């Protein structure tokens, strides 16, 4: 049993529990327009939406939506670009 406990302890060393919640952003790319920036995000249900504000960068939009999105139990959120 002690061997199993040592293995678990070693595995847990590689896992950081204080990284915070995970946000996954999906942005479909269109052929010939790979540099298009995100202008709008919505959650996987379409119930929450965020639109890029004047002067707001793409990363600032993603950060704002990541802070405001309602998360599932493990703290993960899925945001999708577009309408």
N, C-alpha and C. Protein backbone atom coordinates (compact mmCIF):
# COMPACT_ATOMS: atom_id res chain seq x y z
N UNK A 1 0.81 -1.20 0.00
CA UNK A 1 0.00 0.00 0.00
C UNK A 1 0.86 1.26 0.00
N UNK A 2 1.98 1.19 0.68
CA UNK A 2 2.85 2.36 0.75
C UNK A 2 3.38 2.73 -0.63
N UNK A 3 3.64 1.74 -1.46
CA UNK A 3 4.10 1.99 -2.81
C UNK A 3 3.07 2.77 -3.62
N UNK A 4 1.80 2.43 -3.47
CA UNK A 4 0.72 3.12 -4.16
C UNK A 4 0.63 4.57 -3.69
N UNK A 5 0.74 4.79 -2.40
CA UNK A 5 0.70 6.15 -1.85
C UNK A 5 1.85 6.99 -2.37
N UNK A 6 3.03 6.40 -2.50
CA UNK A 6 4.18 7.12 -3.06
C UNK A 6 3.93 7.51 -4.51
N UNK A 7 3.35 6.58 -5.28
CA UNK A 7 3.04 6.87 -6.68
C UNK A 7 2.04 8.01 -6.80
N UNK A 8 1.01 7.97 -5.99
CA UNK A 8 -0.01 9.03 -6.02
C UNK A 8 0.63 10.37 -5.65
N UNK A 9 1.47 10.37 -4.63
CA UNK A 9 2.14 11.60 -4.22
C UNK A 9 2.99 12.18 -5.35
N UNK A 10 3.69 11.31 -6.07
CA UNK A 10 4.51 11.76 -7.20
C UNK A 10 3.65 12.34 -8.32
N UNK A 11 2.54 11.69 -8.60
CA UNK A 11 1.64 12.19 -9.65
C UNK A 11 1.04 13.54 -9.27
N UNK A 12 0.70 13.70 -8.02
CA UNK A 12 0.10 14.95 -7.56
C UNK A 12 1.08 16.10 -7.59
N UNK A 13 2.36 15.83 -7.52
CA UNK A 13 3.36 16.89 -7.62
C UNK A 13 3.29 17.61 -8.96
N UNK A 14 2.96 16.88 -10.00
CA UNK A 14 2.89 17.46 -11.35
C UNK A 14 1.61 18.18 -11.65
N UNK A 15 0.65 18.14 -10.73
CA UNK A 15 -0.65 18.78 -10.95
C UNK A 15 -0.73 20.03 -10.09
N UNK A 16 -0.92 21.16 -10.73
CA UNK A 16 -1.09 22.41 -10.00
C UNK A 16 -2.58 22.66 -9.76
N UNK A 17 -2.95 22.77 -8.52
CA UNK A 17 -4.36 22.98 -8.18
C UNK A 17 -4.73 24.45 -8.15
N UNK A 18 -3.76 25.35 -8.25
CA UNK A 18 -4.08 26.77 -8.15
C UNK A 18 -3.90 27.50 -9.48
N UNK A 19 -4.10 26.81 -10.58
CA UNK A 19 -4.01 27.44 -11.89
C UNK A 19 -5.25 28.26 -12.21
N UNK A 20 -6.34 28.00 -11.54
CA UNK A 20 -7.58 28.71 -11.79
C UNK A 20 -8.44 27.98 -12.80
N UNK A 21 -9.59 28.56 -13.11
CA UNK A 21 -10.52 27.90 -14.03
C UNK A 21 -9.99 27.88 -15.46
N UNK A 22 -10.45 26.90 -16.22
CA UNK A 22 -10.03 26.74 -17.61
C UNK A 22 -11.09 27.32 -18.53
N UNK A 23 -10.66 28.08 -19.52
CA UNK A 23 -11.56 28.60 -20.55
C UNK A 23 -11.02 28.15 -21.90
N UNK A 24 -11.89 27.54 -22.69
CA UNK A 24 -11.54 27.10 -24.03
C UNK A 24 -12.28 27.99 -25.01
N UNK A 25 -11.54 28.62 -25.93
CA UNK A 25 -12.13 29.49 -26.95
C UNK A 25 -12.01 28.81 -28.30
N UNK A 26 -13.14 28.66 -28.98
CA UNK A 26 -13.16 28.05 -30.31
C UNK A 26 -13.47 29.14 -31.32
N UNK A 27 -12.57 29.28 -32.29
CA UNK A 27 -12.76 30.27 -33.34
C UNK A 27 -12.64 29.58 -34.70
N UNK A 28 -13.75 29.42 -35.40
CA UNK A 28 -13.67 28.82 -36.73
C UNK A 28 -12.87 29.72 -37.67
N UNK A 29 -12.04 29.13 -38.49
CA UNK A 29 -11.24 29.89 -39.45
C UNK A 29 -11.81 29.68 -40.84
N UNK A 30 -11.87 30.76 -41.59
CA UNK A 30 -12.35 30.68 -42.97
C UNK A 30 -11.16 30.71 -43.91
N UNK A 31 -11.25 29.89 -44.94
CA UNK A 31 -10.16 29.84 -45.91
C UNK A 31 -9.92 31.23 -46.48
N UNK A 32 -8.66 31.61 -46.52
CA UNK A 32 -8.28 32.91 -47.07
C UNK A 32 -8.43 34.06 -46.10
N UNK A 33 -8.94 33.80 -44.89
CA UNK A 33 -9.12 34.87 -43.92
C UNK A 33 -8.70 34.39 -42.53
N UNK A 34 -7.46 33.96 -42.44
CA UNK A 34 -6.96 33.37 -41.20
C UNK A 34 -6.62 34.39 -40.12
N UNK A 35 -6.52 35.66 -40.49
CA UNK A 35 -6.14 36.70 -39.53
C UNK A 35 -7.33 37.45 -38.96
N UNK A 36 -8.55 36.99 -39.25
CA UNK A 36 -9.75 37.66 -38.76
C UNK A 36 -9.79 37.60 -37.23
N UNK A 37 -10.01 38.74 -36.59
CA UNK A 37 -10.06 38.79 -35.13
C UNK A 37 -11.47 38.52 -34.63
N UNK A 38 -11.55 38.02 -33.41
CA UNK A 38 -12.84 37.73 -32.78
C UNK A 38 -13.55 39.05 -32.44
N UNK A 39 -14.80 39.14 -32.86
CA UNK A 39 -15.61 40.32 -32.57
C UNK A 39 -16.72 40.02 -31.57
N UNK A 40 -17.07 38.72 -31.46
CA UNK A 40 -18.16 38.32 -30.59
C UNK A 40 -17.90 36.92 -30.05
N UNK A 41 -18.28 36.70 -28.81
CA UNK A 41 -18.17 35.37 -28.19
C UNK A 41 -19.51 35.01 -27.57
N UNK A 42 -19.79 33.72 -27.52
CA UNK A 42 -20.97 33.25 -26.79
C UNK A 42 -20.64 31.93 -26.12
N UNK A 43 -21.42 31.61 -25.08
CA UNK A 43 -21.18 30.33 -24.39
C UNK A 43 -21.76 29.20 -25.21
N UNK A 44 -21.54 27.97 -24.78
CA UNK A 44 -21.94 26.81 -25.57
C UNK A 44 -23.46 26.69 -25.72
N UNK A 45 -24.22 27.30 -24.82
CA UNK A 45 -25.67 27.26 -24.91
C UNK A 45 -26.24 28.44 -25.70
N UNK A 46 -25.42 29.45 -25.93
CA UNK A 46 -25.89 30.65 -26.61
C UNK A 46 -26.66 31.58 -25.69
N UNK A 47 -26.66 31.30 -24.40
CA UNK A 47 -27.42 32.11 -23.45
C UNK A 47 -26.65 33.34 -22.97
N UNK A 48 -25.33 33.32 -23.10
CA UNK A 48 -24.51 34.47 -22.72
C UNK A 48 -23.73 34.92 -23.95
N UNK A 49 -23.69 36.23 -24.18
CA UNK A 49 -22.99 36.79 -25.34
C UNK A 49 -22.16 37.99 -24.93
N UNK A 50 -21.02 38.13 -25.59
CA UNK A 50 -20.14 39.28 -25.38
C UNK A 50 -19.75 39.83 -26.74
N UNK A 51 -19.87 41.14 -26.89
CA UNK A 51 -19.49 41.82 -28.13
C UNK A 51 -18.31 42.73 -27.83
N UNK A 52 -17.39 42.74 -28.74
CA UNK A 52 -16.19 43.57 -28.58
C UNK A 52 -16.57 45.04 -28.56
N UNK A 53 -16.08 45.75 -27.56
CA UNK A 53 -16.38 47.17 -27.38
C UNK A 53 -15.38 48.02 -28.16
N UNK A 54 -15.76 49.26 -28.51
CA UNK A 54 -14.81 50.14 -29.21
C UNK A 54 -13.52 50.30 -28.40
N UNK A 55 -12.40 50.11 -29.06
CA UNK A 55 -11.09 50.24 -28.42
C UNK A 55 -10.65 49.00 -27.65
N UNK A 56 -11.50 48.00 -27.57
CA UNK A 56 -11.16 46.77 -26.85
C UNK A 56 -10.41 45.82 -27.78
N UNK A 57 -9.30 45.29 -27.31
CA UNK A 57 -8.55 44.34 -28.13
C UNK A 57 -9.23 42.98 -28.10
N UNK A 58 -8.83 42.12 -29.01
CA UNK A 58 -9.36 40.76 -29.04
C UNK A 58 -9.09 40.05 -27.72
N UNK A 59 -7.88 40.18 -27.20
CA UNK A 59 -7.53 39.51 -25.94
C UNK A 59 -8.33 40.07 -24.77
N UNK A 60 -8.59 41.37 -24.77
CA UNK A 60 -9.40 41.97 -23.70
C UNK A 60 -10.83 41.43 -23.73
N UNK A 61 -11.39 41.22 -24.93
CA UNK A 61 -12.71 40.62 -25.05
C UNK A 61 -12.70 39.21 -24.48
N UNK A 62 -11.72 38.42 -24.85
CA UNK A 62 -11.61 37.04 -24.36
C UNK A 62 -11.46 37.03 -22.84
N UNK A 63 -10.63 37.91 -22.31
CA UNK A 63 -10.43 37.99 -20.85
C UNK A 63 -11.72 38.37 -20.14
N UNK A 64 -12.46 39.34 -20.68
CA UNK A 64 -13.71 39.79 -20.07
C UNK A 64 -14.74 38.67 -20.07
N UNK A 65 -14.90 38.02 -21.21
CA UNK A 65 -15.86 36.92 -21.30
C UNK A 65 -15.46 35.77 -20.38
N UNK A 66 -14.16 35.50 -20.26
CA UNK A 66 -13.67 34.43 -19.38
C UNK A 66 -13.99 34.72 -17.91
N UNK A 67 -13.92 35.99 -17.54
CA UNK A 67 -14.25 36.37 -16.16
C UNK A 67 -15.74 36.27 -15.88
N UNK A 68 -16.57 36.62 -16.88
CA UNK A 68 -18.01 36.75 -16.67
C UNK A 68 -18.82 35.49 -16.96
N UNK A 69 -18.27 34.53 -17.68
CA UNK A 69 -19.03 33.35 -18.08
C UNK A 69 -19.42 32.49 -16.88
N UNK A 70 -20.61 31.91 -16.95
CA UNK A 70 -21.05 30.95 -15.95
C UNK A 70 -20.37 29.62 -16.25
N UNK A 71 -19.70 29.07 -15.26
CA UNK A 71 -18.91 27.85 -15.45
C UNK A 71 -19.64 26.62 -14.95
N UNK A 72 -19.25 25.48 -15.51
CA UNK A 72 -19.78 24.22 -15.00
C UNK A 72 -19.05 23.84 -13.72
N UNK A 73 -19.38 22.75 -13.13
CA UNK A 73 -18.83 22.37 -11.81
C UNK A 73 -17.32 22.33 -11.72
N UNK A 74 -16.60 21.73 -12.68
CA UNK A 74 -15.14 21.71 -12.52
C UNK A 74 -14.48 23.05 -12.81
N UNK A 75 -15.24 24.07 -13.21
CA UNK A 75 -14.66 25.37 -13.48
C UNK A 75 -14.27 25.60 -14.92
N UNK A 76 -14.67 24.72 -15.80
CA UNK A 76 -14.33 24.85 -17.22
C UNK A 76 -15.45 25.58 -17.96
N UNK A 77 -15.07 26.42 -18.93
CA UNK A 77 -16.05 27.13 -19.75
C UNK A 77 -15.63 27.01 -21.21
N UNK A 78 -16.60 26.90 -22.09
CA UNK A 78 -16.38 26.84 -23.52
C UNK A 78 -16.98 28.08 -24.15
N UNK A 79 -16.15 28.89 -24.82
CA UNK A 79 -16.61 30.09 -25.51
C UNK A 79 -16.40 29.89 -27.01
N UNK A 80 -17.37 30.31 -27.80
CA UNK A 80 -17.26 30.17 -29.25
C UNK A 80 -17.37 31.54 -29.90
N UNK A 81 -16.54 31.75 -30.90
CA UNK A 81 -16.54 33.00 -31.65
C UNK A 81 -17.64 32.96 -32.69
N UNK A 82 -18.13 34.13 -33.04
CA UNK A 82 -19.14 34.22 -34.09
C UNK A 82 -20.54 34.23 -33.55
N UNK A 83 -21.47 34.22 -34.48
CA UNK A 83 -22.89 34.35 -34.10
C UNK A 83 -23.58 33.04 -33.96
